[in-house]
Amino acid sequence: MPPALDPEPKPPEFTWGALLFLAFSILLGVGYLFWVTAIEGWRVWVIVGLIALIAGGAALAHWLMGRTRR
């Protein structure tokens, strides 16, 4: 079937470069978090916990809104 007539095109796949960048970004982020924690202490984990709570609430709301559209 030609691409113009395809009802649902497939999403593009991740390249190896994109996956490598994602892996290094996550590792650097976790390393930076541990480095800052060694300097600042428990206060960083309070801030990270609040950010995770807000992000989790937003993800749940996004998922629930997606469920109502079907």
PDB file of N, CA and C in Angstrom:
ATOM      1  N   MET A   1       0.849  -1.171   0.000  1.00  0.00           N
ATOM      2  CA  MET A   1       0.000   0.000   0.000  1.00  0.00           C
ATOM      3  C   MET A   1       0.898   1.240   0.000  1.00  0.00           C
ATOM      4  N   PRO A   2       0.646   2.216  -0.841  1.00  0.00           N
ATOM      5  CA  PRO A   2       1.465   3.430  -0.868  1.00  0.00           C
ATOM      6  C   PRO A   2       1.365   4.200   0.453  1.00  0.00           C
ATOM      7  N   PRO A   3       2.398   4.954   0.812  1.00  0.00           N
ATOM      8  CA  PRO A   3       2.376   5.676   2.092  1.00  0.00           C
ATOM      9  C   PRO A   3       1.222   6.657   2.211  1.00  0.00           C
ATOM     10  N   ALA A   4       0.773   7.248   1.107  1.00  0.00           N
ATOM     11  CA  ALA A   4      -0.318   8.223   1.171  1.00  0.00           C
ATOM     12  C   ALA A   4      -1.640   7.562   1.561  1.00  0.00           C
ATOM     13  N   LEU A   5      -1.808   6.281   1.258  1.00  0.00           N
ATOM     14  CA  LEU A   5      -3.062   5.596   1.558  1.00  0.00           C
ATOM     15  C   LEU A   5      -3.004   4.795   2.862  1.00  0.00           C
ATOM     16  N   ASP A   6      -1.851   4.754   3.481  1.00  0.00           N
ATOM     17  CA  ASP A   6      -1.694   4.005   4.727  1.00  0.00           C
ATOM     18  C   ASP A   6      -2.437   4.739   5.848  1.00  0.00           C
ATOM     19  N   PRO A   7      -3.429   4.097   6.489  1.00  0.00           N
ATOM     20  CA  PRO A   7      -4.218   4.809   7.501  1.00  0.00           C
ATOM     21  C   PRO A   7      -3.413   5.188   8.747  1.00  0.00           C
ATOM     22  N   GLU A   8      -2.513   4.339   9.187  1.00  0.00           N
ATOM     23  CA  GLU A   8      -1.722   4.622  10.380  1.00  0.00           C
ATOM     24  C   GLU A   8      -0.252   4.380  10.079  1.00  0.00           C
ATOM     25  N   PRO A   9       0.503   5.448   9.818  1.00  0.00           N
ATOM     26  CA  PRO A   9       1.931   5.253   9.570  1.00  0.00           C
ATOM     27  C   PRO A   9       2.655   4.831  10.848  1.00  0.00           C
ATOM     28  N   LYS A  10       3.683   4.010  10.686  1.00  0.00           N
ATOM     29  CA  LYS A  10       4.447   3.550  11.838  1.00  0.00           C
ATOM     30  C   LYS A  10       5.302   4.687  12.376  1.00  0.00           C
ATOM     31  N   PRO A  11       5.460   4.770  13.698  1.00  0.00           N
ATOM     32  CA  PRO A  11       6.347   5.798  14.238  1.00  0.00           C
ATOM     33  C   PRO A  11       7.798   5.472  13.880  1.00  0.00           C
ATOM     34  N   PRO A  12       8.635   6.490  13.750  1.00  0.00           N
ATOM     35  CA  PRO A  12      10.033   6.223  13.403  1.00  0.00           C
ATOM     36  C   PRO A  12      10.744   5.479  14.532  1.00  0.00           C
ATOM     37  N   GLU A  13      11.694   4.647  14.156  1.00  0.00           N
ATOM     38  CA  GLU A  13      12.437   3.884  15.153  1.00  0.00           C
ATOM     39  C   GLU A  13      13.601   4.718  15.674  1.00  0.00           C
ATOM     40  N   PHE A  14      14.033   4.403  16.892  1.00  0.00           N
ATOM     41  CA  PHE A  14      15.203   5.065  17.459  1.00  0.00           C
ATOM     42  C   PHE A  14      16.455   4.571  16.756  1.00  0.00           C
ATOM     43  N   THR A  15      17.357   5.478  16.466  1.00  0.00           N
ATOM     44  CA  THR A  15      18.649   5.080  15.915  1.00  0.00           C
ATOM     45  C   THR A  15      19.572   4.738  17.077  1.00  0.00           C
ATOM     46  N   TRP A  16      20.706   4.096  16.752  1.00  0.00           N
ATOM     47  CA  TRP A  16      21.665   3.756  17.801  1.00  0.00           C
ATOM     48  C   TRP A  16      22.218   5.011  18.456  1.00  0.00           C
ATOM     49  N   GLY A  17      22.415   6.061  17.649  1.00  0.00           N
ATOM     50  CA  GLY A  17      22.925   7.313  18.207  1.00  0.00           C
ATOM     51  C   GLY A  17      21.955   7.933  19.196  1.00  0.00           C
ATOM     52  N   ALA A  18      20.655   7.878  18.880  1.00  0.00           N
ATOM     53  CA  ALA A  18      19.648   8.433  19.782  1.00  0.00           C
ATOM     54  C   ALA A  18      19.588   7.628  21.083  1.00  0.00           C
ATOM     55  N   LEU A  19      19.661   6.301  20.964  1.00  0.00           N
ATOM     56  CA  LEU A  19      19.643   5.465  22.169  1.00  0.00           C
ATOM     57  C   LEU A  19      20.886   5.684  23.025  1.00  0.00           C
ATOM     58  N   LEU A  20      22.045   5.838  22.374  1.00  0.00           N
ATOM     59  CA  LEU A  20      23.280   6.094  23.111  1.00  0.00           C
ATOM     60  C   LEU A  20      23.208   7.442  23.822  1.00  0.00           C
ATOM     61  N   PHE A  21      22.709   8.458  23.136  1.00  0.00           N
ATOM     62  CA  PHE A  21      22.547   9.774  23.754  1.00  0.00           C
ATOM     63  C   PHE A  21      21.601   9.702  24.945  1.00  0.00           C
ATOM     64  N   LEU A  22      20.505   8.969  24.807  1.00  0.00           N
ATOM     65  CA  LEU A  22      19.554   8.821  25.900  1.00  0.00           C
ATOM     66  C   LEU A  22      20.196   8.127  27.098  1.00  0.00           C
ATOM     67  N   ALA A  23      20.950   7.058  26.844  1.00  0.00           N
ATOM     68  CA  ALA A  23      21.606   6.321  27.932  1.00  0.00           C
ATOM     69  C   ALA A  23      22.624   7.201  28.647  1.00  0.00           C
ATOM     70  N   PHE A  24      23.452   7.916  27.888  1.00  0.00           N
ATOM     71  CA  PHE A  24      24.445   8.789  28.516  1.00  0.00           C
ATOM     72  C   PHE A  24      23.783   9.934  29.273  1.00  0.00           C
ATOM     73  N   SER A  25      22.702  10.461  28.755  1.00  0.00           N
ATOM     74  CA  SER A  25      21.999  11.543  29.439  1.00  0.00           C
ATOM     75  C   SER A  25      21.444  11.076  30.773  1.00  0.00           C
ATOM     76  N   ILE A  26      20.856   9.892  30.778  1.00  0.00           N
ATOM     77  CA  ILE A  26      20.302   9.361  32.026  1.00  0.00           C
ATOM     78  C   ILE A  26      21.427   9.090  33.025  1.00  0.00           C
ATOM     79  N   LEU A  27      22.521   8.492  32.569  1.00  0.00           N
ATOM     80  CA  LEU A  27      23.634   8.218  33.470  1.00  0.00           C
ATOM     81  C   LEU A  27      24.247   9.505  34.020  1.00  0.00           C
ATOM     82  N   LEU A  28      24.407  10.510  33.181  1.00  0.00           N
ATOM     83  CA  LEU A  28      24.940  11.778  33.654  1.00  0.00           C
ATOM     84  C   LEU A  28      23.991  12.451  34.649  1.00  0.00           C
ATOM     85  N   GLY A  29      22.697  12.364  34.381  1.00  0.00           N
ATOM     86  CA  GLY A  29      21.718  12.950  35.295  1.00  0.00           C
ATOM     87  C   GLY A  29      21.743  12.287  36.660  1.00  0.00           C
ATOM     88  N   VAL A  30      21.818  10.972  36.683  1.00  0.00           N
ATOM     89  CA  VAL A  30      21.874  10.243  37.958  1.00  0.00           C
ATOM     90  C   VAL A  30      23.193  10.542  38.672  1.00  0.00           C
ATOM     91  N   GLY A  31      24.289  10.580  37.930  1.00  0.00           N
ATOM     92  CA  GLY A  31      25.580  10.916  38.541  1.00  0.00           C
ATOM     93  C   GLY A  31      25.588  12.311  39.124  1.00  0.00           C
ATOM     94  N   TYR A  32      25.016  13.267  38.409  1.00  0.00           N
ATOM     95  CA  TYR A  32      24.944  14.634  38.919  1.00  0.00           C
ATOM     96  C   TYR A  32      24.080  14.693  40.174  1.00  0.00           C
ATOM     97  N   LEU A  33      22.978  13.952  40.180  1.00  0.00           N
ATOM     98  CA  LEU A  33      22.105  13.936  41.353  1.00  0.00           C
ATOM     99  C   LEU A  33      22.843  13.399  42.575  1.00  0.00           C
ATOM    100  N   PHE A  34      23.607  12.325  42.413  1.00  0.00           N
ATOM    101  CA  PHE A  34      24.368  11.793  43.540  1.00  0.00           C
ATOM    102  C   PHE A  34      25.471  12.745  43.970  1.00  0.00           C
ATOM    103  N   TRP A  35      26.095  13.439  43.029  1.00  0.00           N
ATOM    104  CA  TRP A  35      27.148  14.394  43.368  1.00  0.00           C
ATOM    105  C   TRP A  35      26.577  15.567  44.171  1.00  0.00           C
ATOM    106  N   VAL A  36      25.432  16.091  43.743  1.00  0.00           N
ATOM    107  CA  VAL A  36      24.807  17.197  44.469  1.00  0.00           C
ATOM    108  C   VAL A  36      24.325  16.722  45.832  1.00  0.00           C
ATOM    109  N   THR A  37      23.851  15.499  45.911  1.00  0.00           N
ATOM    110  CA  THR A  37      23.398  14.958  47.190  1.00  0.00           C
ATOM    111  C   THR A  37      24.558  14.848  48.174  1.00  0.00           C
ATOM    112  N   ALA A  38      25.727  14.502  47.670  1.00  0.00           N
ATOM    113  CA  ALA A  38      26.893  14.417  48.549  1.00  0.00           C
ATOM    114  C   ALA A  38      27.243  15.791  49.119  1.00  0.00           C
ATOM    115  N   ILE A  39      26.932  16.859  48.381  1.00  0.00           N
ATOM    116  CA  ILE A  39      27.235  18.205  48.843  1.00  0.00           C
ATOM    117  C   ILE A  39      26.106  18.761  49.707  1.00  0.00           C
ATOM    118  N   GLU A  40      24.882  18.650  49.241  1.00  0.00           N
ATOM    119  CA  GLU A  40      23.750  19.290  49.904  1.00  0.00           C
ATOM    120  C   GLU A  40      23.060  18.405  50.944  1.00  0.00           C
ATOM    121  N   GLY A  41      23.064  17.120  50.731  1.00  0.00           N
ATOM    122  CA  GLY A  41      22.427  16.229  51.698  1.00  0.00           C
ATOM    123  C   GLY A  41      20.970  15.949  51.383  1.00  0.00           C
ATOM    124  N   TRP A  42      20.176  15.772  52.421  1.00  0.00           N
ATOM    125  CA  TRP A  42      18.800  15.295  52.292  1.00  0.00           C
ATOM    126  C   TRP A  42      17.877  16.295  51.614  1.00  0.00           C
ATOM    127  N   ARG A  43      18.230  17.581  51.614  1.00  0.00           N
ATOM    128  CA  ARG A  43      17.343  18.592  51.017  1.00  0.00           C
ATOM    129  C   ARG A  43      17.113  18.342  49.536  1.00  0.00           C
ATOM    130  N   VAL A  44      18.128  17.812  48.867  1.00  0.00           N
ATOM    131  CA  VAL A  44      17.977  17.522  47.438  1.00  0.00           C
ATOM    132  C   VAL A  44      16.908  16.460  47.231  1.00  0.00           C
ATOM    133  N   TRP A  45      16.879  15.453  48.087  1.00  0.00           N
ATOM    134  CA  TRP A  45      15.899  14.383  47.914  1.00  0.00           C
ATOM    135  C   TRP A  45      14.485  14.877  48.168  1.00  0.00           C
ATOM    136  N   VAL A  46      14.325  15.898  49.008  1.00  0.00           N
ATOM    137  CA  VAL A  46      13.000  16.497  49.200  1.00  0.00           C
ATOM    138  C   VAL A  46      12.546  17.156  47.903  1.00  0.00           C
ATOM    139  N   ILE A  47      13.432  17.912  47.275  1.00  0.00           N
ATOM    140  CA  ILE A  47      13.087  18.583  46.022  1.00  0.00           C
ATOM    141  C   ILE A  47      12.813  17.552  44.924  1.00  0.00           C
ATOM    142  N   VAL A  48      13.672  16.526  44.819  1.00  0.00           N
ATOM    143  CA  VAL A  48      13.478  15.479  43.803  1.00  0.00           C
ATOM    144  C   VAL A  48      12.164  14.745  44.051  1.00  0.00           C
ATOM    145  N   GLY A  49      11.837  14.491  45.301  1.00  0.00           N
ATOM    146  CA  GLY A  49      10.571  13.835  45.627  1.00  0.00           C
ATOM    147  C   GLY A  49       9.369  14.671  45.226  1.00  0.00           C
ATOM    148  N   LEU A  50       9.439  15.979  45.463  1.00  0.00           N
ATOM    149  CA  LEU A  50       8.340  16.862  45.056  1.00  0.00           C
ATOM    150  C   LEU A  50       8.191  16.902  43.538  1.00  0.00           C
ATOM    151  N   ILE A  51       9.314  16.971  42.842  1.00  0.00           N
ATOM    152  CA  ILE A  51       9.259  16.973  41.370  1.00  0.00           C
ATOM    153  C   ILE A  51       8.676  15.656  40.862  1.00  0.00           C
ATOM    154  N   ALA A  52       9.094  14.530  41.453  1.00  0.00           N
ATOM    155  CA  ALA A  52       8.570  13.230  41.033  1.00  0.00           C
ATOM    156  C   ALA A  52       7.072  13.119  41.337  1.00  0.00           C
ATOM    157  N   LEU A  53       6.641  13.687  42.462  1.00  0.00           N
ATOM    158  CA  LEU A  53       5.221  13.653  42.803  1.00  0.00           C
ATOM    159  C   LEU A  53       4.400  14.469  41.813  1.00  0.00           C
ATOM    160  N   ILE A  54       4.885  15.637  41.442  1.00  0.00           N
ATOM    161  CA  ILE A  54       4.183  16.468  40.463  1.00  0.00           C
ATOM    162  C   ILE A  54       4.154  15.775  39.099  1.00  0.00           C
ATOM    163  N   ALA A  55       5.301  15.210  38.683  1.00  0.00           N
ATOM    164  CA  ALA A  55       5.360  14.523  37.395  1.00  0.00           C
ATOM    165  C   ALA A  55       4.452  13.291  37.387  1.00  0.00           C
ATOM    166  N   GLY A  56       4.411  12.567  38.495  1.00  0.00           N
ATOM    167  CA  GLY A  56       3.530  11.401  38.579  1.00  0.00           C
ATOM    168  C   GLY A  56       2.064  11.789  38.500  1.00  0.00           C
ATOM    169  N   GLY A  57       1.689  12.882  39.174  1.00  0.00           N
ATOM    170  CA  GLY A  57       0.312  13.368  39.100  1.00  0.00           C
ATOM    171  C   GLY A  57      -0.053  13.809  37.693  1.00  0.00           C
ATOM    172  N   ALA A  58       0.885  14.478  37.023  1.00  0.00           N
ATOM    173  CA  ALA A  58       0.635  14.908  35.644  1.00  0.00           C
ATOM    174  C   ALA A  58       0.515  13.703  34.713  1.00  0.00           C
ATOM    175  N   ALA A  59       1.354  12.698  34.914  1.00  0.00           N
ATOM    176  CA  ALA A  59       1.274  11.492  34.076  1.00  0.00           C
ATOM    177  C   ALA A  59      -0.050  10.769  34.291  1.00  0.00           C
ATOM    178  N   LEU A  60      -0.485  10.696  35.533  1.00  0.00           N
ATOM    179  CA  LEU A  60      -1.766  10.052  35.823  1.00  0.00           C
ATOM    180  C   LEU A  60      -2.917  10.831  35.192  1.00  0.00           C
ATOM    181  N   ALA A  61      -2.889  12.154  35.303  1.00  0.00           N
ATOM    182  CA  ALA A  61      -3.945  12.968  34.697  1.00  0.00           C
ATOM    183  C   ALA A  61      -3.936  12.818  33.184  1.00  0.00           C
ATOM    184  N   HIS A  62      -2.765  12.781  32.586  1.00  0.00           N
ATOM    185  CA  HIS A  62      -2.651  12.615  31.138  1.00  0.00           C
ATOM    186  C   HIS A  62      -3.227  11.270  30.705  1.00  0.00           C
ATOM    187  N   TRP A  63      -2.907  10.234  31.447  1.00  0.00           N
ATOM    188  CA  TRP A  63      -3.417   8.896  31.133  1.00  0.00           C
ATOM    189  C   TRP A  63      -4.943   8.848  31.277  1.00  0.00           C
ATOM    190  N   LEU A  64      -5.457   9.460  32.348  1.00  0.00           N
ATOM    191  CA  LEU A  64      -6.911   9.449  32.565  1.00  0.00           C
ATOM    192  C   LEU A  64      -7.629  10.250  31.481  1.00  0.00           C
ATOM    193  N   MET A  65      -7.066  11.377  31.053  1.00  0.00           N
ATOM    194  CA  MET A  65      -7.688  12.148  29.978  1.00  0.00           C
ATOM    195  C   MET A  65      -7.676  11.355  28.673  1.00  0.00           C
ATOM    196  N   GLY A  66      -6.610  10.594  28.450  1.00  0.00           N
ATOM    197  CA  GLY A  66      -6.554   9.752  27.255  1.00  0.00           C
ATOM    198  C   GLY A  66      -7.610   8.658  27.297  1.00  0.00           C
ATOM    199  N   ARG A  67      -7.914   8.149  28.471  1.00  0.00           N
ATOM    200  CA  ARG A  67      -8.921   7.105  28.595  1.00  0.00           C
ATOM    201  C   ARG A  67     -10.326   7.645  28.297  1.00  0.00           C
ATOM    202  N   THR A  68     -10.568   8.929  28.562  1.00  0.00           N
ATOM    203  CA  THR A  68     -11.913   9.477  28.340  1.00  0.00           C
ATOM    204  C   THR A  68     -12.179   9.755  26.873  1.00  0.00           C
ATOM    205  N   ARG A  69     -11.129   9.844  26.046  1.00  0.00           N
ATOM    206  CA  ARG A  69     -11.321  10.150  24.627  1.00  0.00           C
ATOM    207  C   ARG A  69     -11.759   8.929  23.828  1.00  0.00           C
ATOM    208  N   ARG A  70     -11.625   7.751  24.362  1.00  0.00           N
ATOM    209  CA  ARG A  70     -11.953   6.544  23.610  1.00  0.00           C
ATOM    210  C   ARG A  70     -13.406   6.200  23.718  1.00  0.00           C
TER     211      ARG A  70
END
